C-alpha cells in the first residue's frame, strides 16, 4: 500500500518564518547583551586603593631618614607602616613640624617613625613629613628601598641613597 502525499496541509509561510527568525535572533542578542553587561559591571566594581602618594624629597642624617611625601590622590591618607629594606618600622604617632624637620623628634627608639601633617590630616595635595629612626644601617652610596603603606592599601615604594 502506497501512501499518498497530502497536499492539503498548511505550512508556515516564508514571511512568518522570517519574522520568527528575526524575533529569535533579537531575543538572543538581548540575553547576550544583558549577560555581558552584568559580567563587565561585576568585574569593574572591585577597585584598588584610590589614594596616591609621591616622594617630593628626602634627607638622611646618620640613621634618621626624613621623607617629604605628597598626597597626589583624591582621598585623605594616613601612613601607618614604613619599611626600609623590608624591615617594618613602627608608627609612633604625630609630632610638631619643628621637631620632625630639625630631627629633634621624640621618636622613642630605633625602628620607629613619627609623622607631621600640616593640617593634622594627610589631605589631597598636602605634603606629609615622616621622620624614621631606622633600625637598618644607612650606608653611604648604597641604595635602600623604602615602602610607605596606608591602611586602605595605598603604597609608595622608592629607593634612596645616602650621599
N, C-alpha and C. Protein backbone atom coordinates (compact mmCIF):
# COMPACT_ATOMS: atom_id res chain seq x y z
N UNK A 1 0.79 -1.16 0.00
CA UNK A 1 0.00 0.00 0.00
C UNK A 1 0.86 1.26 0.00
N UNK A 2 0.71 2.04 -0.90
CA UNK A 2 1.47 3.27 -1.04
C UNK A 2 0.63 4.42 -0.51
N UNK A 3 1.28 5.17 0.34
CA UNK A 3 0.58 6.31 0.91
C UNK A 3 0.70 7.49 -0.03
N UNK A 4 -0.32 8.19 -0.07
CA UNK A 4 -0.29 9.36 -0.92
C UNK A 4 0.08 10.59 -0.09
N UNK A 5 0.72 11.49 -0.73
CA UNK A 5 1.13 12.73 -0.07
C UNK A 5 -0.06 13.66 -0.04
N UNK A 6 -0.32 14.14 1.15
CA UNK A 6 -1.44 15.06 1.28
C UNK A 6 -0.97 16.47 0.99
N UNK A 7 -1.57 17.09 0.10
CA UNK A 7 -1.20 18.45 -0.28
C UNK A 7 -2.09 19.49 0.40
N UNK A 8 -3.00 19.00 1.19
CA UNK A 8 -3.89 19.95 1.82
C UNK A 8 -3.36 20.46 3.17
N UNK A 9 -2.18 20.01 3.57
CA UNK A 9 -1.58 20.50 4.82
C UNK A 9 -1.09 21.93 4.63
N UNK A 10 -1.25 22.72 5.66
CA UNK A 10 -0.81 24.11 5.59
C UNK A 10 0.57 24.22 6.25
N UNK A 11 1.52 24.90 5.65
CA UNK A 11 2.86 25.12 6.18
C UNK A 11 2.97 26.58 6.61
N UNK A 12 4.08 26.88 7.29
CA UNK A 12 4.33 28.25 7.70
C UNK A 12 4.82 29.01 6.48
N UNK A 13 4.25 30.17 6.27
CA UNK A 13 4.63 30.93 5.09
C UNK A 13 6.04 31.49 5.26
N UNK A 14 6.74 31.76 4.18
CA UNK A 14 8.09 32.31 4.27
C UNK A 14 8.15 33.64 5.02
N UNK A 15 7.14 34.45 4.96
CA UNK A 15 7.13 35.73 5.66
C UNK A 15 7.07 35.50 7.17
N UNK A 16 6.20 34.60 7.61
CA UNK A 16 6.09 34.29 9.03
C UNK A 16 7.39 33.66 9.52
N UNK A 17 8.00 32.78 8.75
CA UNK A 17 9.26 32.13 9.13
C UNK A 17 10.36 33.18 9.30
N UNK A 18 10.42 34.13 8.42
CA UNK A 18 11.43 35.19 8.50
C UNK A 18 11.22 36.04 9.76
N UNK A 19 9.99 36.37 10.05
CA UNK A 19 9.68 37.17 11.25
C UNK A 19 10.06 36.39 12.51
N UNK A 20 9.75 35.11 12.55
CA UNK A 20 10.11 34.28 13.70
C UNK A 20 11.63 34.22 13.89
N UNK A 21 12.37 34.07 12.81
CA UNK A 21 13.84 34.03 12.90
C UNK A 21 14.40 35.36 13.42
N UNK A 22 13.83 36.46 12.97
CA UNK A 22 14.30 37.78 13.44
C UNK A 22 13.99 37.95 14.93
N UNK A 23 12.81 37.55 15.38
CA UNK A 23 12.45 37.66 16.79
C UNK A 23 13.38 36.80 17.65
N UNK A 24 13.68 35.59 17.20
CA UNK A 24 14.59 34.71 17.95
C UNK A 24 15.99 35.33 18.01
N UNK A 25 16.47 35.89 16.91
CA UNK A 25 17.81 36.50 16.88
C UNK A 25 17.87 37.72 17.81
N UNK A 26 16.85 38.56 17.81
CA UNK A 26 16.83 39.74 18.67
C UNK A 26 16.77 39.33 20.14
N UNK A 27 15.95 38.34 20.47
CA UNK A 27 15.87 37.86 21.85
C UNK A 27 17.21 37.30 22.32
N UNK A 28 17.88 36.56 21.46
CA UNK A 28 19.20 36.02 21.80
C UNK A 28 20.21 37.15 22.01
N UNK A 29 20.18 38.15 21.17
CA UNK A 29 21.09 39.29 21.31
C UNK A 29 20.84 40.03 22.63
N UNK A 30 19.58 40.19 23.02
CA UNK A 30 19.26 40.87 24.28
C UNK A 30 19.78 40.07 25.46
N UNK A 31 19.61 38.76 25.43
CA UNK A 31 20.10 37.90 26.52
C UNK A 31 21.63 37.99 26.61
N UNK A 32 22.32 37.92 25.49
CA UNK A 32 23.79 38.01 25.48
C UNK A 32 24.24 39.38 25.96
N UNK A 33 23.61 40.45 25.52
CA UNK A 33 23.96 41.80 25.95
C UNK A 33 23.78 41.96 27.46
N UNK A 34 22.65 41.48 27.99
CA UNK A 34 22.40 41.57 29.43
C UNK A 34 23.45 40.82 30.23
N UNK A 35 23.80 39.63 29.78
CA UNK A 35 24.82 38.83 30.47
C UNK A 35 26.17 39.54 30.42
N UNK A 36 26.54 40.06 29.25
CA UNK A 36 27.84 40.73 29.10
C UNK A 36 27.92 41.98 29.98
N UNK A 37 26.86 42.76 30.05
CA UNK A 37 26.88 43.96 30.88
C UNK A 37 26.97 43.60 32.36
N UNK A 38 26.29 42.55 32.77
CA UNK A 38 26.38 42.11 34.17
C UNK A 38 27.79 41.62 34.48
N UNK A 39 28.41 40.93 33.53
CA UNK A 39 29.77 40.41 33.74
C UNK A 39 30.77 41.56 33.82
N UNK A 40 30.70 42.50 32.90
CA UNK A 40 31.63 43.63 32.89
C UNK A 40 31.39 44.52 34.11
N UNK A 41 30.16 44.77 34.47
CA UNK A 41 29.84 45.58 35.65
C UNK A 41 30.37 44.96 36.91
N UNK A 42 30.26 43.65 37.05
CA UNK A 42 30.78 42.96 38.22
C UNK A 42 32.29 42.96 38.25
N UNK A 43 32.92 42.91 37.09
CA UNK A 43 34.38 42.87 37.04
C UNK A 43 34.99 44.23 37.34
N UNK A 44 34.28 45.30 37.07
CA UNK A 44 34.87 46.62 37.25
C UNK A 44 34.54 47.26 38.60
N UNK A 45 33.67 46.66 39.39
CA UNK A 45 33.34 47.28 40.66
C UNK A 45 34.41 47.08 41.71
N UNK A 46 35.23 46.06 41.57
CA UNK A 46 36.29 45.82 42.54
C UNK A 46 37.48 46.71 42.18
N UNK A 47 37.66 47.79 42.91
CA UNK A 47 38.76 48.71 42.62
C UNK A 47 39.78 48.65 43.74
N UNK A 48 40.97 49.06 43.41
CA UNK A 48 42.04 49.10 44.40
C UNK A 48 41.99 50.40 45.18
N UNK A 49 43.05 50.69 45.86
CA UNK A 49 43.10 51.92 46.64
C UNK A 49 42.95 53.14 45.74
N UNK A 50 42.25 54.17 46.23
CA UNK A 50 42.06 55.36 45.43
C UNK A 50 43.10 56.43 45.74
N UNK A 51 43.92 56.19 46.74
CA UNK A 51 44.94 57.16 47.11
C UNK A 51 46.20 57.01 46.27
N UNK A 52 46.95 58.08 46.20
CA UNK A 52 48.25 58.06 45.53
C UNK A 52 49.20 58.95 46.32
N UNK A 53 50.46 58.53 46.37
CA UNK A 53 51.49 59.33 47.03
C UNK A 53 52.69 59.43 46.10
N UNK A 54 53.46 60.50 46.29
CA UNK A 54 54.72 60.63 45.56
C UNK A 54 55.76 61.24 46.49
N UNK A 55 57.00 60.85 46.28
CA UNK A 55 58.11 61.37 47.07
C UNK A 55 58.53 62.71 46.51
N UNK A 56 58.48 63.77 47.33
CA UNK A 56 58.95 65.08 46.91
C UNK A 56 60.45 65.24 47.18
N UNK A 57 60.90 64.81 48.36
CA UNK A 57 62.31 64.95 48.74
C UNK A 57 62.59 64.04 49.92
N UNK A 58 63.88 63.90 50.23
CA UNK A 58 64.28 63.16 51.43
C UNK A 58 65.61 63.67 51.92
N UNK A 59 65.86 63.48 53.22
CA UNK A 59 67.15 63.82 53.84
C UNK A 59 67.56 62.65 54.70
N UNK A 60 68.86 62.40 54.75
CA UNK A 60 69.39 61.34 55.61
C UNK A 60 70.45 61.95 56.51
N UNK A 61 70.31 61.72 57.81
CA UNK A 61 71.32 62.14 58.78
C UNK A 61 71.54 60.96 59.71
N UNK A 62 72.75 60.42 59.68
CA UNK A 62 73.05 59.19 60.41
C UNK A 62 72.05 58.12 59.97
N UNK A 63 71.28 57.59 60.90
CA UNK A 63 70.26 56.60 60.54
C UNK A 63 68.85 57.18 60.61
N UNK A 64 68.75 58.51 60.67
CA UNK A 64 67.44 59.16 60.64
C UNK A 64 67.13 59.56 59.20
N UNK A 65 65.97 59.15 58.72
CA UNK A 65 65.55 59.45 57.37
C UNK A 65 64.30 60.33 57.45
N UNK A 66 64.36 61.52 56.83
CA UNK A 66 63.21 62.41 56.76
C UNK A 66 62.66 62.34 55.35
N UNK A 67 61.37 61.99 55.23
CA UNK A 67 60.72 61.83 53.93
C UNK A 67 59.65 62.91 53.78
N UNK A 68 59.64 63.56 52.63
CA UNK A 68 58.61 64.54 52.29
C UNK A 68 57.73 63.89 51.23
N UNK A 69 56.53 63.48 51.63
CA UNK A 69 55.66 62.71 50.75
C UNK A 69 54.39 63.51 50.48
N UNK A 70 54.06 63.64 49.19
CA UNK A 70 52.87 64.39 48.77
C UNK A 70 51.71 63.42 48.53
N UNK A 71 50.53 63.80 49.03
CA UNK A 71 49.30 63.06 48.74
C UNK A 71 48.80 63.56 47.39
N UNK A 72 49.04 62.78 46.33
CA UNK A 72 48.66 63.20 44.99
C UNK A 72 47.37 62.54 44.52
N UNK A 73 46.67 61.88 45.42
CA UNK A 73 45.41 61.23 45.07
C UNK A 73 44.22 62.10 45.42
N UNK A 74 43.06 61.45 45.50
CA UNK A 74 41.84 62.19 45.76
C UNK A 74 41.21 61.89 47.10
N UNK A 75 41.95 61.28 48.02
CA UNK A 75 41.39 60.92 49.31
C UNK A 75 42.39 61.20 50.43
N UNK A 76 41.90 61.41 51.63
CA UNK A 76 42.77 61.64 52.78
C UNK A 76 43.47 60.33 53.15
N UNK A 77 44.76 60.41 53.42
CA UNK A 77 45.56 59.22 53.73
C UNK A 77 46.16 59.34 55.13
N UNK A 78 46.74 58.24 55.58
CA UNK A 78 47.49 58.21 56.84
C UNK A 78 48.52 57.10 56.73
N UNK A 79 49.78 57.45 56.69
CA UNK A 79 50.84 56.44 56.59
C UNK A 79 51.00 55.79 57.96
N UNK A 80 50.81 54.47 58.00
CA UNK A 80 50.90 53.74 59.28
C UNK A 80 52.01 52.70 59.29
N UNK A 81 52.62 52.45 58.14
CA UNK A 81 53.72 51.49 58.08
C UNK A 81 54.82 52.04 57.18
N UNK A 82 56.06 51.92 57.63
CA UNK A 82 57.22 52.26 56.81
C UNK A 82 58.19 51.09 56.87
N UNK A 83 58.61 50.64 55.70
CA UNK A 83 59.59 49.56 55.60
C UNK A 83 60.87 50.14 55.00
N UNK A 84 62.01 49.81 55.59
CA UNK A 84 63.30 50.15 55.00
C UNK A 84 64.02 48.83 54.77
N UNK A 85 64.33 48.57 53.50
CA UNK A 85 64.94 47.30 53.09
C UNK A 85 64.16 46.11 53.66
N UNK A 86 62.83 46.21 53.63
CA UNK A 86 61.97 45.12 54.07
C UNK A 86 61.72 45.03 55.56
N UNK A 87 62.36 45.90 56.36
CA UNK A 87 62.20 45.87 57.81
C UNK A 87 61.11 46.88 58.21
N UNK A 88 60.08 46.38 58.91
CA UNK A 88 58.98 47.24 59.35
C UNK A 88 59.42 48.15 60.48
N UNK A 89 59.08 49.43 60.36
CA UNK A 89 59.32 50.42 61.42
C UNK A 89 57.96 50.81 61.98
N UNK A 90 57.82 50.81 63.29
CA UNK A 90 56.53 51.02 63.94
C UNK A 90 56.12 52.48 63.94
N UNK A 91 54.82 52.70 63.77
CA UNK A 91 54.23 54.03 63.83
C UNK A 91 54.21 54.50 65.28
N UNK A 92 54.80 55.66 65.55
CA UNK A 92 54.88 56.18 66.92
C UNK A 92 54.05 57.45 67.09
N UNK A 93 53.16 57.74 66.15
CA UNK A 93 52.27 58.89 66.29
C UNK A 93 52.72 60.10 65.50
N UNK A 94 52.18 61.25 65.90
CA UNK A 94 52.50 62.51 65.21
C UNK A 94 53.38 63.37 66.10
N UNK A 95 54.01 64.36 65.49
CA UNK A 95 54.88 65.28 66.22
C UNK A 95 54.74 66.65 65.58
N UNK A 96 55.42 67.64 66.13
CA UNK A 96 55.37 69.00 65.60
C UNK A 96 56.29 69.13 64.40
N UNK A 97 56.02 70.13 63.57
CA UNK A 97 56.82 70.33 62.37
C UNK A 97 58.27 70.63 62.71
N UNK A 98 58.51 71.45 63.70
CA UNK A 98 59.88 71.81 64.08
C UNK A 98 60.66 70.56 64.48
N UNK A 99 60.08 69.72 65.31
CA UNK A 99 60.78 68.51 65.74
C UNK A 99 61.06 67.57 64.59
N UNK A 100 60.11 67.42 63.70
CA UNK A 100 60.29 66.48 62.59
C UNK A 100 61.30 67.01 61.59
N UNK A 101 61.22 68.29 61.22
CA UNK A 101 62.13 68.82 60.20
C UNK A 101 63.54 69.06 60.72
N UNK A 102 63.68 69.34 62.00
CA UNK A 102 65.00 69.58 62.57
C UNK A 102 65.64 68.31 63.12
N UNK A 103 64.93 67.19 63.05
CA UNK A 103 65.47 65.94 63.56
C UNK A 103 65.47 65.86 65.07
N UNK A 104 64.68 66.70 65.73
CA UNK A 104 64.62 66.71 67.20
C UNK A 104 63.41 65.96 67.72
N UNK A 105 62.86 65.09 66.92
CA UNK A 105 61.62 64.43 67.30
C UNK A 105 61.79 63.57 68.53
N UNK A 106 60.66 63.28 69.11
CA UNK A 106 60.65 62.45 70.31
C UNK A 106 60.43 60.98 69.96
N UNK A 107 60.98 60.55 68.82
CA UNK A 107 60.87 59.14 68.46
C UNK A 107 61.47 58.34 69.60
N UNK A 108 60.69 57.48 70.25
CA UNK A 108 61.17 56.80 71.45
C UNK A 108 62.37 55.91 71.24
N UNK A 109 62.42 55.20 70.13
CA UNK A 109 63.54 54.28 69.97
C UNK A 109 63.78 53.97 68.51
N UNK A 110 64.88 53.28 68.28
CA UNK A 110 65.23 52.85 66.94
C UNK A 110 64.14 51.93 66.41
N UNK A 111 63.85 52.07 65.12
CA UNK A 111 62.85 51.21 64.50
C UNK A 111 61.45 51.79 64.53
N UNK A 112 61.34 53.10 64.82
CA UNK A 112 60.03 53.73 64.85
C UNK A 112 60.04 54.99 63.98
N UNK A 113 58.84 55.50 63.69
CA UNK A 113 58.75 56.75 62.93
C UNK A 113 57.59 57.59 63.44
N UNK A 114 57.72 58.90 63.24
CA UNK A 114 56.65 59.85 63.56
C UNK A 114 56.29 60.60 62.28
N UNK A 115 55.11 61.20 62.30
CA UNK A 115 54.58 61.88 61.12
C UNK A 115 54.14 63.28 61.51
N UNK A 116 54.31 64.21 60.58
CA UNK A 116 53.75 65.55 60.74
C UNK A 116 52.90 65.84 59.50
N UNK A 117 51.62 66.16 59.70
CA UNK A 117 50.74 66.61 58.63
C UNK A 117 50.35 68.05 58.94
N UNK A 118 50.48 68.93 57.95
CA UNK A 118 50.24 70.37 58.13
C UNK A 118 48.88 70.65 58.77
N UNK A 119 47.83 70.05 58.25
CA UNK A 119 46.50 70.33 58.79
C UNK A 119 46.02 69.28 59.77
N UNK A 120 46.90 68.42 60.22
CA UNK A 120 46.50 67.35 61.13
C UNK A 120 46.11 66.08 60.42
N UNK A 121 45.76 66.20 59.14
CA UNK A 121 45.46 65.03 58.31
C UNK A 121 46.23 65.15 57.00
N UNK A 122 46.37 64.03 56.31
CA UNK A 122 47.14 63.97 55.07
C UNK A 122 46.15 64.08 53.90
N UNK A 123 45.66 65.32 53.68
CA UNK A 123 44.65 65.57 52.66
C UNK A 123 45.28 65.65 51.27
N UNK A 124 44.45 65.50 50.21
CA UNK A 124 44.97 65.59 48.84
C UNK A 124 45.71 66.90 48.61
N UNK A 125 46.88 66.81 48.00
CA UNK A 125 47.71 67.96 47.69
C UNK A 125 48.69 68.35 48.78
N UNK A 126 48.51 67.85 49.99
CA UNK A 126 49.39 68.22 51.09
C UNK A 126 50.63 67.34 51.14
N UNK A 127 51.66 67.87 51.80
CA UNK A 127 52.91 67.13 51.99
C UNK A 127 52.98 66.68 53.44
N UNK A 128 53.16 65.39 53.62
CA UNK A 128 53.39 64.84 54.96
C UNK A 128 54.88 64.65 55.17
N UNK A 129 55.35 64.91 56.38
CA UNK A 129 56.77 64.75 56.69
C UNK A 129 56.89 63.57 57.65
N UNK A 130 57.67 62.58 57.25
CA UNK A 130 57.88 61.39 58.08
C UNK A 130 59.33 61.37 58.54
N UNK A 131 59.55 61.21 59.82
CA UNK A 131 60.90 61.06 60.37
C UNK A 131 61.03 59.63 60.87
N UNK A 132 61.93 58.88 60.24
CA UNK A 132 62.13 57.48 60.57
C UNK A 132 63.46 57.31 61.26
N UNK A 133 63.46 56.76 62.47
CA UNK A 133 64.68 56.40 63.18
C UNK A 133 64.97 54.96 62.79
N UNK A 134 65.79 54.78 61.78
CA UNK A 134 65.95 53.48 61.14
C UNK A 134 66.68 52.46 61.99
N UNK A 135 66.16 51.24 61.99
CA UNK A 135 66.87 50.13 62.62
C UNK A 135 67.81 49.47 61.62
N UNK A 136 67.75 49.91 60.37
CA UNK A 136 68.65 49.44 59.33
C UNK A 136 69.77 50.47 59.19
N UNK A 137 71.00 50.01 59.13
CA UNK A 137 72.13 50.93 58.97
C UNK A 137 72.08 51.52 57.57
N UNK A 138 72.06 52.84 57.49
CA UNK A 138 72.02 53.55 56.21
C UNK A 138 73.46 53.85 55.81
N UNK A 139 73.96 53.11 54.83
CA UNK A 139 75.36 53.24 54.40
C UNK A 139 75.50 54.25 53.27
N UNK A 140 76.65 54.93 53.23
CA UNK A 140 76.94 55.87 52.15
C UNK A 140 76.97 55.13 50.82
N UNK A 141 76.33 55.71 49.80
CA UNK A 141 76.39 55.19 48.45
C UNK A 141 75.51 53.98 48.18
N UNK A 142 74.96 53.36 49.18
CA UNK A 142 74.14 52.17 48.97
C UNK A 142 72.68 52.58 48.81
N UNK A 143 72.00 51.96 47.83
CA UNK A 143 70.57 52.23 47.64
C UNK A 143 69.77 51.45 48.67
N UNK A 144 68.81 52.12 49.28
CA UNK A 144 67.93 51.49 50.26
C UNK A 144 66.49 51.65 49.77
N UNK A 145 65.74 50.56 49.80
CA UNK A 145 64.35 50.57 49.36
C UNK A 145 63.44 50.94 50.52
N UNK A 146 62.57 51.90 50.27
CA UNK A 146 61.61 52.35 51.29
C UNK A 146 60.21 52.14 50.74
N UNK A 147 59.34 51.66 51.61
CA UNK A 147 57.94 51.46 51.24
C UNK A 147 57.06 52.05 52.34
N UNK A 148 56.17 52.95 51.95
CA UNK A 148 55.21 53.57 52.87
C UNK A 148 53.83 53.00 52.55
N UNK A 149 53.10 52.59 53.60
CA UNK A 149 51.81 51.93 53.40
C UNK A 149 50.73 52.60 54.25
N UNK A 150 49.56 52.77 53.66
CA UNK A 150 48.39 53.31 54.36
C UNK A 150 47.39 52.17 54.61
N UNK A 151 46.51 52.32 55.59
CA UNK A 151 45.54 51.26 55.90
C UNK A 151 44.63 50.87 54.74
N UNK A 152 44.36 51.82 53.81
CA UNK A 152 43.48 51.49 52.68
C UNK A 152 44.21 50.75 51.57
N UNK A 153 45.50 50.47 51.76
CA UNK A 153 46.27 49.74 50.76
C UNK A 153 47.12 50.62 49.86
N UNK A 154 46.96 51.93 49.96
CA UNK A 154 47.78 52.83 49.16
C UNK A 154 49.24 52.65 49.57
N UNK A 155 50.10 52.47 48.56
CA UNK A 155 51.51 52.17 48.81
C UNK A 155 52.40 53.05 47.94
N UNK A 156 53.51 53.47 48.51
CA UNK A 156 54.54 54.19 47.77
C UNK A 156 55.86 53.49 48.03
N UNK A 157 56.52 53.05 46.97
CA UNK A 157 57.82 52.39 47.11
C UNK A 157 58.85 53.14 46.27
N UNK A 158 60.04 53.32 46.82
CA UNK A 158 61.09 54.05 46.12
C UNK A 158 62.43 53.70 46.74
N UNK A 159 63.50 54.13 46.10
CA UNK A 159 64.85 53.91 46.63
C UNK A 159 65.49 55.24 46.99
N UNK A 160 66.29 55.22 48.05
CA UNK A 160 67.06 56.40 48.44
C UNK A 160 68.52 56.00 48.56
N UNK A 161 69.38 57.00 48.49
CA UNK A 161 70.82 56.75 48.60
C UNK A 161 71.44 57.85 49.45
N UNK A 162 72.21 57.45 50.46
CA UNK A 162 72.91 58.41 51.30
C UNK A 162 74.14 58.89 50.55
N UNK A 163 74.33 60.21 50.48
CA UNK A 163 75.45 60.76 49.70
C UNK A 163 76.58 61.16 50.59
